[in-house]
C-alpha atoms as a PDB file:
ATOM      1  CA  LEU A   1      89.774 144.288  29.330  1.00  0.00           C
ATOM      2  CA  GLU A   2      89.271 140.645  29.428  1.00  0.00           C
ATOM      3  CA  ARG A   3      85.922 139.704  28.141  1.00  0.00           C
ATOM      4  CA  SER A   4      86.201 135.875  28.692  1.00  0.00           C
ATOM      5  CA  ILE A   5      83.921 134.358  31.188  1.00  0.00           C
ATOM      6  CA  GLN A   6      86.815 132.643  32.948  1.00  0.00           C
ATOM      7  CA  ALA A   7      88.538 136.170  33.643  1.00  0.00           C
ATOM      8  CA  ARG A   8      85.306 137.568  34.828  1.00  0.00           C
ATOM      9  CA  PHE A   9      85.535 134.925  37.620  1.00  0.00           C
ATOM     10  CA  LEU A  10      89.184 134.774  38.140  1.00  0.00           C
ATOM     11  CA  ILE A  11      90.130 138.547  38.407  1.00  0.00           C
ATOM     12  CA  PRO A  12      87.746 139.503  41.353  1.00  0.00           C
ATOM     13  CA  MET A  13      88.699 136.229  42.975  1.00  0.00           C
ATOM     14  CA  ALA A  14      92.440 136.930  42.720  1.00  0.00           C
ATOM     15  CA  VAL A  15      91.966 140.576  43.893  1.00  0.00           C
ATOM     16  CA  SER A  16      89.938 139.535  46.983  1.00  0.00           C
ATOM     17  CA  LEU A  17      92.373 136.744  47.856  1.00  0.00           C
ATOM     18  CA  GLY A  18      95.291 139.163  47.725  1.00  0.00           C
ATOM     19  CA  PHE A  19      93.503 141.773  49.944  1.00  0.00           C
ATOM     20  CA  GLY A  20      92.518 138.914  52.203  1.00  0.00           C
ATOM     21  CA  VAL A  21      96.142 137.858  52.577  1.00  0.00           C
ATOM     22  CA  LEU A  22      97.249 141.440  53.268  1.00  0.00           C
ATOM     23  CA  PHE A  23      94.617 142.041  55.845  1.00  0.00           C
ATOM     24  CA  ALA A  24      95.244 138.706  57.774  1.00  0.00           C
ATOM     25  CA  THR A  25      99.008 139.659  57.744  1.00  0.00           C
ATOM     26  CA  ALA A  26      98.174 143.015  59.307  1.00  0.00           C
ATOM     27  CA  ILE A  27      95.846 141.370  61.873  1.00  0.00           C
ATOM     28  CA  SER A  28      98.465 138.812  62.747  1.00  0.00           C
ATOM     29  CA  LEU A  29     101.553 141.083  62.913  1.00  0.00           C
ATOM     30  CA  VAL A  30      99.778 144.171  64.733  1.00  0.00           C
ATOM     31  CA  MET A  31      96.576 143.302  66.428  1.00  0.00           C
ATOM     32  CA  VAL A  32      97.551 140.022  68.147  1.00  0.00           C
ATOM     33  CA  PRO A  33     100.496 141.443  69.984  1.00  0.00           C
ATOM     34  CA  VAL A  34      98.526 144.565  70.825  1.00  0.00           C
ATOM     35  CA  GLY A  35      95.806 142.498  72.297  1.00  0.00           C
ATOM     36  CA  TYR A  36      98.346 140.572  74.540  1.00  0.00           C
ATOM     37  CA  LEU A  37      99.809 143.945  75.705  1.00  0.00           C
ATOM     38  CA  ILE A  38      96.295 145.100  76.669  1.00  0.00           C
ATOM     39  CA  LEU A  39      95.510 141.876  78.622  1.00  0.00           C
ATOM     40  CA  GLU A  40      98.738 142.217  80.437  1.00  0.00           C
ATOM     41  CA  ASP A  41      97.962 145.860  81.380  1.00  0.00           C
ATOM     42  CA  VAL A  42      94.440 144.614  82.488  1.00  0.00           C
ATOM     43  CA  GLN A  43      96.038 141.867  84.715  1.00  0.00           C
ATOM     44  CA  ALA A  44      98.369 144.391  86.288  1.00  0.00           C
ATOM     45  CA  LEU A  45      95.575 146.766  87.096  1.00  0.00           C
ATOM     46  CA  ARG A  46      93.399 143.986  88.501  1.00  0.00           C
ATOM     47  CA  ARG A  47      96.471 142.918  90.690  1.00  0.00           C
ATOM     48  CA  LYS A  48      96.899 146.402  91.950  1.00  0.00           C
ATOM     49  CA  PHE A  49      93.358 146.813  92.736  1.00  0.00           C
ATOM     50  CA  PHE A  50      93.003 143.651  94.635  1.00  0.00           C
ATOM     51  CA  LEU A  51      96.214 144.399  96.718  1.00  0.00           C
ATOM     52  CA  TRP A  52      94.804 148.018  97.369  1.00  0.00           C
ATOM     53  CA  TRP A  53      91.331 146.438  98.465  1.00  0.00           C
ATOM     54  CA  ARG A  54      92.944 143.952 100.818  1.00  0.00           C
ATOM     55  CA  LYS A  55      94.993 146.851 102.225  1.00  0.00           C
ATOM     56  CA  GLU A  56      91.950 148.856 102.905  1.00  0.00           C
ATOM     57  CA  GLU A  57      90.269 145.774 104.376  1.00  0.00           C
ATOM     58  CA  THR A  58      93.102 145.101 106.941  1.00  0.00           C
ATOM     59  CA  GLU A  59      93.188 148.804 107.915  1.00  0.00           C
ATOM     60  CA  ASP A  60      89.742 148.699 109.774  1.00  0.00           C
ATOM     61  CA  PRO A  61      90.152 151.073 112.706  1.00  0.00           C
ATOM     62  CA  GLY A  62      87.682 148.937 114.805  1.00  0.00           C
ATOM     63  CA  LYS A  63      90.059 146.024 114.898  1.00  0.00           C
ATOM     64  CA  GLU A  64      92.575 145.479 117.506  1.00  0.00           C
ATOM     65  CA  ALA A  65      96.061 145.893 116.560  1.00  0.00           C
ATOM     66  CA  GLY A  66      98.162 142.852 117.024  1.00  0.00           C
ATOM     67  CA  PRO A  67     101.515 142.883 118.672  1.00  0.00           C
ATOM     68  CA  GLY A  68     104.047 145.072 117.253  1.00  0.00           C
ATOM     69  CA  PRO A  69     107.488 144.026 115.552  1.00  0.00           C
ATOM     70  CA  ARG A  70     109.660 141.986 118.029  1.00  0.00           C
ATOM     71  CA  GLN A  71     112.679 143.983 119.142  1.00  0.00           C
ATOM     72  CA  VAL A  72     115.698 141.880 119.131  1.00  0.00           C
ATOM     73  CA  SER A  73     118.748 142.763 121.417  1.00  0.00           C
ATOM     74  CA  MET A  74     122.068 142.611 120.037  1.00  0.00           C
ATOM     75  CA  PRO A  75     124.539 140.272 121.750  1.00  0.00           C
ATOM     76  CA  GLU A  76     127.140 142.126 123.719  1.00  0.00           C
ATOM     77  CA  THR A  77     130.701 142.043 122.194  1.00  0.00           C
ATOM     78  CA  ALA A  78     133.323 140.002 123.946  1.00  0.00           C
ATOM     79  CA  PRO A  79     136.418 141.899 125.448  1.00  0.00           C
ATOM     80  CA  PRO A  80     139.391 141.719 123.230  1.00  0.00           C
ATOM     81  CA  LEU A  81     141.638 138.662 123.866  1.00  0.00           C
ATOM     82  CA  ALA A  82     145.054 140.405 124.125  1.00  0.00           C
END
């Protein structure tokens, strides 16, 4: 074991620096992408909820129904030319 005063300060500092770099690497490579994935899922759920909520709001039975879809008649075909 080192008994010098300089080693007593430098060894713990080097160990803590090494573990700090490893921890920061793990956070950067794993936790940040996981956080983005979670945020995407939350946004998708929020969009689905608001679409569902709007659908429920428009399906009020007390409201009068608007006109239905327009029916378009097909043009009659012309007789053959021959």
